[in-house]
Amino acid sequence: MQDSPPSRPLVVGVDVGGTKTQLRALAGDAVVADHVRASTGWRPHDTAAAARWLTALVLDALPAGARPSALAVGAHACETPRQCALIRDALQLSLGVPARVVGDAELIVPAAGADKGVGLVAGTGSVAVGRLPSGDAVQVGGWGAVLGDEGGAAGLVREAVRAVWADHDRGARPDALALGLLTAFDVSEVPALAGALEGATQISAEWGRHAPVVFAAAAEGSALARSVIAEAATALAALVARLAARGVPVDEVVVAGGTVLGQPALYDAFADALADAVPGARPRPLTRPPVEGAVALARSLL
């Protein structure tokens, strides 16, 4: 006797992050699959490759014979609506089901159970996203560790090194921040930090892993470290202000990312800076996994 088909549609949400990917599938409220894997091989700028990668992920993660009724994906490095639409079209053709593909930061607001507001992420990098009253998505920030990502882990380290260099040029003795960075990058003097940063092959990851040094130095009393954190918080608040200036509703700001949520000094400074930059905007930390936002988007397709 064959099993009867599911009585409720099977919705699948996928959060493709920079390092790991989570897929969650539900039939009604019942979890059918909850699968986590590395994001190795994810190539969002190659539409066909991205669609194949996602198709294989879905088929591997779901029980044998199960087919989704709707699929939504929050995709790391899916940077424009056109790029996301191309992946969506290829994915719909591959799986034959309604699909939606957005940048991974767009999962933050629906994951929090909200239908509008700003999603602000400060993890390795930083980005803020929201939607205009027309429904069009707007993204600010997220330009990578070399030129941007202020308030993310890699940007914090970059700015900390700049602050240490400036202090060195003023003839100051190395403080707790400088000493911490010298140890972290395994160099003996402040000028050598330049070569250490420039020698990184995976800049965001290799710089970003040293961000705890900044917060440790601040806790030890480093005025330089505290100024770096304050400037990072101001930069994150500026992302929200930029969205507000473009007409995005910013009353609610859902905050996610391991750097800002894992470091109370940064979160508190951001909340203060946001109150100054955008009076009335209310920050709150995301307490649920972003993949729940993908599931919510998938449900909206039914």
C-alpha atoms as a PDB file:
ATOM      1  CA  MET A   1       0.000   0.000   0.000  1.00  0.00           C
ATOM      2  CA  GLN A   2       1.438   3.340  -1.040  1.00  0.00           C
ATOM      3  CA  ASP A   3       1.683   6.248   1.366  1.00  0.00           C
ATOM      4  CA  SER A   4      -0.893   8.934   0.712  1.00  0.00           C
ATOM      5  CA  PRO A   5       0.450  12.283  -0.476  1.00  0.00           C
ATOM      6  CA  PRO A   6       0.857  15.031   2.109  1.00  0.00           C
ATOM      7  CA  SER A   7      -2.422  16.724   2.939  1.00  0.00           C
ATOM      8  CA  ARG A   8      -0.700  20.114   3.188  1.00  0.00           C
ATOM      9  CA  PRO A   9       1.617  21.875   0.743  1.00  0.00           C
ATOM     10  CA  LEU A  10       5.335  21.390   1.303  1.00  0.00           C
ATOM     11  CA  VAL A  11       7.085  24.761   1.567  1.00  0.00           C
ATOM     12  CA  VAL A  12      10.863  25.024   1.458  1.00  0.00           C
ATOM     13  CA  GLY A  13      12.988  27.918   2.673  1.00  0.00           C
ATOM     14  CA  VAL A  14      16.730  28.193   2.077  1.00  0.00           C
ATOM     15  CA  ASP A  15      19.208  30.592   3.662  1.00  0.00           C
ATOM     16  CA  VAL A  16      22.448  30.541   1.672  1.00  0.00           C
ATOM     17  CA  GLY A  17      25.011  32.331   3.805  1.00  0.00           C
ATOM     18  CA  GLY A  18      28.613  33.131   3.128  1.00  0.00           C
ATOM     19  CA  THR A  19      29.853  30.069   5.006  1.00  0.00           C
ATOM     20  CA  LYS A  20      26.858  27.836   5.702  1.00  0.00           C
ATOM     21  CA  THR A  21      23.477  27.082   4.183  1.00  0.00           C
ATOM     22  CA  GLN A  22      20.316  26.038   5.997  1.00  0.00           C
ATOM     23  CA  LEU A  23      17.253  24.476   4.363  1.00  0.00           C
ATOM     24  CA  ARG A  24      13.996  24.037   6.241  1.00  0.00           C
ATOM     25  CA  ALA A  25      10.913  22.343   4.791  1.00  0.00           C
ATOM     26  CA  LEU A  26       7.493  22.276   6.413  1.00  0.00           C
ATOM     27  CA  ALA A  27       4.120  20.717   5.663  1.00  0.00           C
ATOM     28  CA  GLY A  28       1.785  22.846   7.706  1.00  0.00           C
ATOM     29  CA  ASP A  29       3.552  23.190  11.051  1.00  0.00           C
ATOM     30  CA  ALA A  30       5.350  19.857  10.748  1.00  0.00           C
ATOM     31  CA  VAL A  31       9.069  20.052   9.969  1.00  0.00           C
ATOM     32  CA  VAL A  32       9.843  17.659   7.116  1.00  0.00           C
ATOM     33  CA  ALA A  33      13.529  18.555   6.743  1.00  0.00           C
ATOM     34  CA  ASP A  34      16.028  20.804   8.530  1.00  0.00           C
ATOM     35  CA  HIS A  35      19.370  20.542   6.806  1.00  0.00           C
ATOM     36  CA  VAL A  36      22.598  22.507   7.306  1.00  0.00           C
ATOM     37  CA  ARG A  37      25.640  22.277   5.058  1.00  0.00           C
ATOM     38  CA  ALA A  38      28.614  24.338   3.979  1.00  0.00           C
ATOM     39  CA  SER A  39      28.042  26.889   1.211  1.00  0.00           C
ATOM     40  CA  THR A  40      30.998  25.485  -0.722  1.00  0.00           C
ATOM     41  CA  GLY A  41      30.395  25.707  -4.454  1.00  0.00           C
ATOM     42  CA  TRP A  42      27.814  28.487  -4.289  1.00  0.00           C
ATOM     43  CA  ARG A  43      28.340  30.719  -7.345  1.00  0.00           C
ATOM     44  CA  PRO A  44      25.550  33.320  -7.512  1.00  0.00           C
ATOM     45  CA  HIS A  45      27.059  35.186 -10.475  1.00  0.00           C
ATOM     46  CA  ASP A  46      26.702  32.051 -12.644  1.00  0.00           C
ATOM     47  CA  THR A  47      22.932  31.693 -13.003  1.00  0.00           C
ATOM     48  CA  ALA A  48      22.944  28.128 -14.319  1.00  0.00           C
ATOM     49  CA  ALA A  49      25.440  26.948 -11.704  1.00  0.00           C
ATOM     50  CA  ALA A  50      23.460  28.604  -8.904  1.00  0.00           C
ATOM     51  CA  ALA A  51      20.222  26.966 -10.033  1.00  0.00           C
ATOM     52  CA  ARG A  52      21.908  23.551 -10.276  1.00  0.00           C
ATOM     53  CA  TRP A  53      23.417  23.992  -6.804  1.00  0.00           C
ATOM     54  CA  LEU A  54      20.061  24.895  -5.268  1.00  0.00           C
ATOM     55  CA  THR A  55      18.218  22.127  -7.122  1.00  0.00           C
ATOM     56  CA  ALA A  56      20.678  19.528  -5.880  1.00  0.00           C
ATOM     57  CA  LEU A  57      20.391  20.901  -2.343  1.00  0.00           C
ATOM     58  CA  VAL A  58      16.597  20.641  -2.363  1.00  0.00           C
ATOM     59  CA  LEU A  59      16.518  17.139  -3.818  1.00  0.00           C
ATOM     60  CA  ASP A  60      19.206  15.886  -1.439  1.00  0.00           C
ATOM     61  CA  ALA A  61      17.628  17.406   1.677  1.00  0.00           C
ATOM     62  CA  LEU A  62      14.015  16.367   1.129  1.00  0.00           C
ATOM     63  CA  PRO A  63      12.746  12.829   1.799  1.00  0.00           C
ATOM     64  CA  ALA A  64      12.720  10.555  -1.231  1.00  0.00           C
ATOM     65  CA  GLY A  65       9.831  11.378  -3.532  1.00  0.00           C
ATOM     66  CA  ALA A  66       8.921  14.623  -1.790  1.00  0.00           C
ATOM     67  CA  ARG A  67       8.436  17.638  -4.027  1.00  0.00           C
ATOM     68  CA  PRO A  68       8.071  21.218  -2.821  1.00  0.00           C
ATOM     69  CA  SER A  69       4.960  23.249  -3.537  1.00  0.00           C
ATOM     70  CA  ALA A  70       6.856  26.531  -3.171  1.00  0.00           C
ATOM     71  CA  LEU A  71      10.456  27.544  -2.590  1.00  0.00           C
ATOM     72  CA  ALA A  72      12.098  30.741  -1.368  1.00  0.00           C
ATOM     73  CA  VAL A  73      15.826  31.415  -1.156  1.00  0.00           C
ATOM     74  CA  GLY A  74      17.808  34.110   0.599  1.00  0.00           C
ATOM     75  CA  ALA A  75      21.050  34.094  -1.343  1.00  0.00           C
ATOM     76  CA  HIS A  76      24.408  35.449  -0.228  1.00  0.00           C
ATOM     77  CA  ALA A  77      25.990  37.763  -2.829  1.00  0.00           C
ATOM     78  CA  CYS A  78      22.772  38.043  -4.836  1.00  0.00           C
ATOM     79  CA  GLU A  79      23.289  41.766  -5.138  1.00  0.00           C
ATOM     80  CA  THR A  80      20.689  43.081  -7.593  1.00  0.00           C
ATOM     81  CA  PRO A  81      17.013  42.331  -8.337  1.00  0.00           C
ATOM     82  CA  ARG A  82      18.003  41.283 -11.861  1.00  0.00           C
ATOM     83  CA  GLN A  83      20.578  38.790 -10.622  1.00  0.00           C
ATOM     84  CA  CYS A  84      18.084  37.286  -8.163  1.00  0.00           C
ATOM     85  CA  ALA A  85      15.390  37.128 -10.856  1.00  0.00           C
ATOM     86  CA  LEU A  86      17.670  35.232 -13.230  1.00  0.00           C
ATOM     87  CA  ILE A  87      18.402  32.614 -10.568  1.00  0.00           C
ATOM     88  CA  ARG A  88      14.687  32.411  -9.725  1.00  0.00           C
ATOM     89  CA  ASP A  89      13.717  31.822 -13.344  1.00  0.00           C
ATOM     90  CA  ALA A  90      16.320  29.082 -13.770  1.00  0.00           C
ATOM     91  CA  LEU A  91      15.271  27.482 -10.489  1.00  0.00           C
ATOM     92  CA  GLN A  92      11.589  27.490 -11.406  1.00  0.00           C
ATOM     93  CA  LEU A  93      12.447  25.852 -14.708  1.00  0.00           C
ATOM     94  CA  SER A  94      14.558  23.217 -12.936  1.00  0.00           C
ATOM     95  CA  LEU A  95      12.113  22.294 -10.167  1.00  0.00           C
ATOM     96  CA  GLY A  96       8.826  23.256 -11.774  1.00  0.00           C
ATOM     97  CA  VAL A  97       7.491  25.080  -8.717  1.00  0.00           C
ATOM     98  CA  PRO A  98       6.901  28.724  -7.792  1.00  0.00           C
ATOM     99  CA  ALA A  99      10.105  30.222  -6.419  1.00  0.00           C
ATOM    100  CA  ARG A 100      11.401  33.487  -5.051  1.00  0.00           C
ATOM    101  CA  VAL A 101      15.050  34.486  -4.695  1.00  0.00           C
ATOM    102  CA  VAL A 102      16.217  37.509  -2.684  1.00  0.00           C
ATOM    103  CA  GLY A 103      19.443  38.642  -1.077  1.00  0.00           C
ATOM    104  CA  ASP A 104      20.063  36.841   2.202  1.00  0.00           C
ATOM    105  CA  ALA A 105      19.657  40.041   4.247  1.00  0.00           C
ATOM    106  CA  GLU A 106      16.041  40.253   3.039  1.00  0.00           C
ATOM    107  CA  LEU A 107      15.206  37.241   5.196  1.00  0.00           C
ATOM    108  CA  ILE A 108      15.740  39.201   8.417  1.00  0.00           C
ATOM    109  CA  VAL A 109      12.447  41.109   8.566  1.00  0.00           C
ATOM    110  CA  PRO A 110      10.146  38.172   7.713  1.00  0.00           C
ATOM    111  CA  ALA A 111      12.132  35.937  10.055  1.00  0.00           C
ATOM    112  CA  ALA A 112      11.191  38.344  12.852  1.00  0.00           C
ATOM    113  CA  GLY A 113       7.531  37.980  11.933  1.00  0.00           C
ATOM    114  CA  ALA A 114       7.286  41.505  10.505  1.00  0.00           C
ATOM    115  CA  ASP A 115       5.939  42.507   7.126  1.00  0.00           C
ATOM    116  CA  LYS A 116       7.889  45.756   6.809  1.00  0.00           C
ATOM    117  CA  GLY A 117      10.913  47.453   8.264  1.00  0.00           C
ATOM    118  CA  VAL A 118      14.673  47.316   7.896  1.00  0.00           C
ATOM    119  CA  GLY A 119      16.886  44.287   8.130  1.00  0.00           C
ATOM    120  CA  LEU A 120      20.356  45.283   9.336  1.00  0.00           C
ATOM    121  CA  VAL A 121      23.125  42.691   9.301  1.00  0.00           C
ATOM    122  CA  ALA A 122      26.545  43.162  10.863  1.00  0.00           C
ATOM    123  CA  GLY A 123      28.439  39.906  10.785  1.00  0.00           C
ATOM    124  CA  THR A 124      31.645  39.528   8.817  1.00  0.00           C
ATOM    125  CA  GLY A 125      30.337  42.343   6.633  1.00  0.00           C
ATOM    126  CA  SER A 126      27.454  44.783   6.979  1.00  0.00           C
ATOM    127  CA  VAL A 127      24.383  45.639   4.936  1.00  0.00           C
ATOM    128  CA  ALA A 128      20.892  47.058   5.414  1.00  0.00           C
ATOM    129  CA  VAL A 129      17.821  46.303   3.321  1.00  0.00           C
ATOM    130  CA  GLY A 130      14.245  47.500   3.206  1.00  0.00           C
ATOM    131  CA  ARG A 131      11.358  47.999   0.826  1.00  0.00           C
ATOM    132  CA  LEU A 132       9.703  51.099  -0.548  1.00  0.00           C
ATOM    133  CA  PRO A 133       5.930  51.431  -0.181  1.00  0.00           C
ATOM    134  CA  SER A 134       5.767  50.277  -3.822  1.00  0.00           C
ATOM    135  CA  GLY A 135       7.364  46.976  -2.777  1.00  0.00           C
ATOM    136  CA  ASP A 136      10.683  47.596  -4.526  1.00  0.00           C
ATOM    137  CA  ALA A 137      13.696  46.426  -2.526  1.00  0.00           C
ATOM    138  CA  VAL A 138      16.460  48.859  -1.559  1.00  0.00           C
ATOM    139  CA  GLN A 139      19.866  47.737  -0.300  1.00  0.00           C
ATOM    140  CA  VAL A 140      22.620  49.938   1.096  1.00  0.00           C
ATOM    141  CA  GLY A 141      26.104  48.992   2.212  1.00  0.00           C
ATOM    142  CA  GLY A 142      27.586  45.559   1.713  1.00  0.00           C
ATOM    143  CA  TRP A 143      30.490  46.734  -0.437  1.00  0.00           C
ATOM    144  CA  GLY A 144      33.126  44.382   0.946  1.00  0.00           C
ATOM    145  CA  ALA A 145      35.946  44.732   3.433  1.00  0.00           C
ATOM    146  CA  VAL A 146      38.314  46.691   1.190  1.00  0.00           C
ATOM    147  CA  LEU A 147      35.968  49.616   0.522  1.00  0.00           C
ATOM    148  CA  GLY A 148      33.057  49.264   2.930  1.00  0.00           C
ATOM    149  CA  ASP A 149      31.348  46.905   5.381  1.00  0.00           C
ATOM    150  CA  GLU A 150      31.733  49.421   8.201  1.00  0.00           C
ATOM    151  CA  GLY A 151      30.505  47.911  11.447  1.00  0.00           C
ATOM    152  CA  GLY A 152      31.093  44.360  10.291  1.00  0.00           C
ATOM    153  CA  ALA A 153      33.943  42.311  11.694  1.00  0.00           C
ATOM    154  CA  ALA A 154      36.318  42.876   8.783  1.00  0.00           C
ATOM    155  CA  GLY A 155      35.559  46.597   8.636  1.00  0.00           C
ATOM    156  CA  LEU A 156      36.178  46.928  12.367  1.00  0.00           C
ATOM    157  CA  VAL A 157      39.613  45.373  11.994  1.00  0.00           C
ATOM    158  CA  ARG A 158      40.469  47.557   9.005  1.00  0.00           C
ATOM    159  CA  GLU A 159      39.502  50.706  10.898  1.00  0.00           C
ATOM    160  CA  ALA A 160      41.299  49.511  14.043  1.00  0.00           C
ATOM    161  CA  VAL A 161      44.521  49.120  12.080  1.00  0.00           C
ATOM    162  CA  ARG A 162      44.051  52.591  10.566  1.00  0.00           C
ATOM    163  CA  ALA A 163      43.581  54.036  14.053  1.00  0.00           C
ATOM    164  CA  VAL A 164      46.715  52.280  15.297  1.00  0.00           C
ATOM    165  CA  TRP A 165      48.729  53.559  12.328  1.00  0.00           C
ATOM    166  CA  ALA A 166      47.564  57.118  12.974  1.00  0.00           C
ATOM    167  CA  ASP A 167      48.510  56.791  16.642  1.00  0.00           C
ATOM    168  CA  HIS A 168      51.915  55.443  15.623  1.00  0.00           C
ATOM    169  CA  ASP A 169      52.435  58.420  13.298  1.00  0.00           C
ATOM    170  CA  ARG A 170      51.729  60.723  16.223  1.00  0.00           C
ATOM    171  CA  GLY A 171      54.590  59.063  18.099  1.00  0.00           C
ATOM    172  CA  ALA A 172      52.412  57.312  20.662  1.00  0.00           C
ATOM    173  CA  ARG A 173      53.439  54.072  22.315  1.00  0.00           C
ATOM    174  CA  PRO A 174      51.384  51.011  21.326  1.00  0.00           C
ATOM    175  CA  ASP A 175      48.274  50.695  23.503  1.00  0.00           C
ATOM    176  CA  ALA A 176      46.129  47.613  24.186  1.00  0.00           C
ATOM    177  CA  LEU A 177      44.577  47.762  20.714  1.00  0.00           C
ATOM    178  CA  ALA A 178      47.927  47.959  18.938  1.00  0.00           C
ATOM    179  CA  LEU A 179      49.409  45.174  21.052  1.00  0.00           C
ATOM    180  CA  GLY A 180      46.377  42.979  20.471  1.00  0.00           C
ATOM    181  CA  LEU A 181      46.562  43.439  16.706  1.00  0.00           C
ATOM    182  CA  LEU A 182      50.296  42.739  16.649  1.00  0.00           C
ATOM    183  CA  THR A 183      49.662  39.450  18.446  1.00  0.00           C
ATOM    184  CA  ALA A 184      46.664  38.537  16.302  1.00  0.00           C
ATOM    185  CA  PHE A 185      48.502  39.131  13.017  1.00  0.00           C
ATOM    186  CA  ASP A 186      51.769  37.704  14.368  1.00  0.00           C
ATOM    187  CA  VAL A 187      53.919  40.732  13.532  1.00  0.00           C
ATOM    188  CA  SER A 188      56.407  42.557  15.733  1.00  0.00           C
ATOM    189  CA  GLU A 189      55.740  46.233  15.001  1.00  0.00           C
ATOM    190  CA  VAL A 190      52.907  48.481  13.925  1.00  0.00           C
ATOM    191  CA  PRO A 191      54.172  49.262  10.371  1.00  0.00           C
ATOM    192  CA  ALA A 192      54.207  45.518   9.635  1.00  0.00           C
ATOM    193  CA  LEU A 193      50.417  45.393   9.988  1.00  0.00           C
ATOM    194  CA  ALA A 194      50.204  46.737   6.421  1.00  0.00           C
ATOM    195  CA  GLY A 195      51.803  43.636   4.956  1.00  0.00           C
ATOM    196  CA  ALA A 196      49.700  41.395   7.163  1.00  0.00           C
ATOM    197  CA  LEU A 197      46.456  42.923   5.887  1.00  0.00           C
ATOM    198  CA  GLU A 198      47.574  43.067   2.265  1.00  0.00           C
ATOM    199  CA  GLY A 199      48.757  39.446   2.362  1.00  0.00           C
ATOM    200  CA  ALA A 200      45.305  38.068   3.118  1.00  0.00           C
ATOM    201  CA  THR A 201      43.903  35.826   0.388  1.00  0.00           C
ATOM    202  CA  GLN A 202      40.332  35.773   1.730  1.00  0.00           C
ATOM    203  CA  ILE A 203      40.173  39.307   3.034  1.00  0.00           C
ATOM    204  CA  SER A 204      36.795  39.390   4.756  1.00  0.00           C
ATOM    205  CA  ALA A 205      37.273  36.131   6.616  1.00  0.00           C
ATOM    206  CA  GLU A 206      40.949  36.635   7.486  1.00  0.00           C
ATOM    207  CA  TRP A 207      40.499  40.202   8.702  1.00  0.00           C
ATOM    208  CA  GLY A 208      37.163  39.585  10.350  1.00  0.00           C
ATOM    209  CA  ARG A 209      38.290  36.759  12.597  1.00  0.00           C
ATOM    210  CA  HIS A 210      40.414  39.266  14.553  1.00  0.00           C
ATOM    211  CA  ALA A 211      37.480  41.545  15.450  1.00  0.00           C
ATOM    212  CA  PRO A 212      37.323  40.236  19.057  1.00  0.00           C
ATOM    213  CA  VAL A 213      40.691  41.945  19.595  1.00  0.00           C
ATOM    214  CA  VAL A 214      39.000  45.334  19.197  1.00  0.00           C
ATOM    215  CA  PHE A 215      36.384  44.603  21.843  1.00  0.00           C
ATOM    216  CA  ALA A 216      38.930  43.072  24.217  1.00  0.00           C
ATOM    217  CA  ALA A 217      41.099  46.180  23.919  1.00  0.00           C
ATOM    218  CA  ALA A 218      38.110  48.423  24.593  1.00  0.00           C
ATOM    219  CA  ALA A 219      37.340  46.418  27.729  1.00  0.00           C
ATOM    220  CA  GLU A 220      40.963  46.950  28.806  1.00  0.00           C
ATOM    221  CA  GLY A 221      40.519  50.692  28.507  1.00  0.00           C
ATOM    222  CA  SER A 222      41.858  51.457  25.013  1.00  0.00           C
ATOM    223  CA  ALA A 223      40.491  54.814  23.901  1.00  0.00           C
ATOM    224  CA  LEU A 224      41.417  53.927  20.319  1.00  0.00           C
ATOM    225  CA  ALA A 225      39.354  50.733  20.414  1.00  0.00           C
ATOM    226  CA  ARG A 226      36.399  52.545  21.930  1.00  0.00           C
ATOM    227  CA  SER A 227      36.524  55.175  19.198  1.00  0.00           C
ATOM    228  CA  VAL A 228      36.620  52.459  16.514  1.00  0.00           C
ATOM    229  CA  ILE A 229      33.524  50.822  18.024  1.00  0.00           C
ATOM    230  CA  ALA A 230      31.715  54.151  18.287  1.00  0.00           C
ATOM    231  CA  GLU A 231      32.491  54.979  14.653  1.00  0.00           C
ATOM    232  CA  ALA A 232      31.315  51.536  13.560  1.00  0.00           C
ATOM    233  CA  ALA A 233      28.042  52.035  15.406  1.00  0.00           C
ATOM    234  CA  THR A 234      27.572  55.423  13.764  1.00  0.00           C
ATOM    235  CA  ALA A 235      28.225  53.878  10.343  1.00  0.00           C
ATOM    236  CA  LEU A 236      25.594  51.189  10.945  1.00  0.00           C
ATOM    237  CA  ALA A 237      23.060  53.809  11.998  1.00  0.00           C
ATOM    238  CA  ALA A 238      23.934  55.758   8.836  1.00  0.00           C
ATOM    239  CA  LEU A 239      22.837  52.780   6.731  1.00  0.00           C
ATOM    240  CA  VAL A 240      19.372  53.018   8.253  1.00  0.00           C
ATOM    241  CA  ALA A 241      19.339  56.794   7.757  1.00  0.00           C
ATOM    242  CA  ARG A 242      20.241  56.269   4.108  1.00  0.00           C
ATOM    243  CA  LEU A 243      17.268  53.951   3.652  1.00  0.00           C
ATOM    244  CA  ALA A 244      14.976  56.445   5.371  1.00  0.00           C
ATOM    245  CA  ALA A 245      16.181  59.202   3.039  1.00  0.00           C
ATOM    246  CA  ARG A 246      15.200  57.036   0.086  1.00  0.00           C
ATOM    247  CA  GLY A 247      11.663  56.541   1.374  1.00  0.00           C
ATOM    248  CA  VAL A 248      11.947  53.163   3.082  1.00  0.00           C
ATOM    249  CA  PRO A 249       9.834  52.789   6.254  1.00  0.00           C
ATOM    250  CA  VAL A 250      12.353  52.440   9.077  1.00  0.00           C
ATOM    251  CA  ASP A 251      10.183  52.444  12.194  1.00  0.00           C
ATOM    252  CA  GLU A 252      11.333  48.918  12.996  1.00  0.00           C
ATOM    253  CA  VAL A 253      14.954  47.815  12.554  1.00  0.00           C
ATOM    254  CA  VAL A 254      15.606  44.112  12.966  1.00  0.00           C
ATOM    255  CA  VAL A 255      19.261  43.519  13.773  1.00  0.00           C
ATOM    256  CA  ALA A 256      21.132  40.328  12.915  1.00  0.00           C
ATOM    257  CA  GLY A 257      24.709  39.133  12.548  1.00  0.00           C
ATOM    258  CA  GLY A 258      27.193  37.571  14.905  1.00  0.00           C
ATOM    259  CA  THR A 259      29.316  40.682  15.337  1.00  0.00           C
ATOM    260  CA  VAL A 260      26.627  43.130  16.438  1.00  0.00           C
ATOM    261  CA  LEU A 261      24.576  40.591  18.405  1.00  0.00           C
ATOM    262  CA  GLY A 262      27.628  38.954  19.942  1.00  0.00           C
ATOM    263  CA  GLN A 263      29.166  42.201  21.181  1.00  0.00           C
ATOM    264  CA  PRO A 264      26.925  44.241  23.518  1.00  0.00           C
ATOM    265  CA  ALA A 265      29.308  47.201  23.287  1.00  0.00           C
ATOM    266  CA  LEU A 266      28.594  47.500  19.556  1.00  0.00           C
ATOM    267  CA  TYR A 267      24.861  46.830  19.808  1.00  0.00           C
ATOM    268  CA  ASP A 268      24.377  49.398  22.577  1.00  0.00           C
ATOM    269  CA  ALA A 269      26.453  51.996  20.741  1.00  0.00           C
ATOM    270  CA  PHE A 270      24.431  51.317  17.569  1.00  0.00           C
ATOM    271  CA  ALA A 271      21.140  51.767  19.435  1.00  0.00           C
ATOM    272  CA  ASP A 272      22.352  55.116  20.763  1.00  0.00           C
ATOM    273  CA  ALA A 273      23.609  56.223  17.356  1.00  0.00           C
ATOM    274  CA  LEU A 274      20.335  55.180  15.708  1.00  0.00           C
ATOM    275  CA  ALA A 275      18.328  57.250  18.191  1.00  0.00           C
ATOM    276  CA  ASP A 276      20.365  60.277  17.130  1.00  0.00           C
ATOM    277  CA  ALA A 277      20.368  59.565  13.384  1.00  0.00           C
ATOM    278  CA  VAL A 278      16.774  58.356  12.940  1.00  0.00           C
ATOM    279  CA  PRO A 279      14.580  59.376  15.876  1.00  0.00           C
ATOM    280  CA  GLY A 280      11.649  56.982  16.175  1.00  0.00           C
ATOM    281  CA  ALA A 281      13.430  53.968  14.666  1.00  0.00           C
ATOM    282  CA  ARG A 282      13.210  51.024  17.062  1.00  0.00           C
ATOM    283  CA  PRO A 283      16.005  48.421  16.954  1.00  0.00           C
ATOM    284  CA  ARG A 284      15.452  44.856  18.099  1.00  0.00           C
ATOM    285  CA  PRO A 285      17.670  41.795  17.810  1.00  0.00           C
ATOM    286  CA  LEU A 286      16.635  38.892  15.626  1.00  0.00           C
ATOM    287  CA  THR A 287      16.069  35.892  17.891  1.00  0.00           C
ATOM    288  CA  ARG A 288      15.058  33.356  15.238  1.00  0.00           C
ATOM    289  CA  PRO A 289      17.128  31.799  12.449  1.00  0.00           C
ATOM    290  CA  PRO A 290      16.975  33.690   9.130  1.00  0.00           C
ATOM    291  CA  VAL A 291      15.804  30.521   7.354  1.00  0.00           C
ATOM    292  CA  GLU A 292      12.412  31.120   8.979  1.00  0.00           C
ATOM    293  CA  GLY A 293      12.193  34.245   6.851  1.00  0.00           C
ATOM    294  CA  ALA A 294      12.695  32.102   3.751  1.00  0.00           C
ATOM    295  CA  VAL A 295       9.934  29.759   4.897  1.00  0.00           C
ATOM    296  CA  ALA A 296       7.613  32.753   5.364  1.00  0.00           C
ATOM    297  CA  LEU A 297       8.412  33.998   1.862  1.00  0.00           C
ATOM    298  CA  ALA A 298       7.756  30.525   0.445  1.00  0.00           C
ATOM    299  CA  ARG A 299       4.350  30.401   2.148  1.00  0.00           C
ATOM    300  CA  SER A 300       3.461  33.720   0.524  1.00  0.00           C
ATOM    301  CA  LEU A 301       3.795  32.056  -2.901  1.00  0.00           C
ATOM    302  CA  LEU A 302       0.996  29.550  -2.296  1.00  0.00           C
END
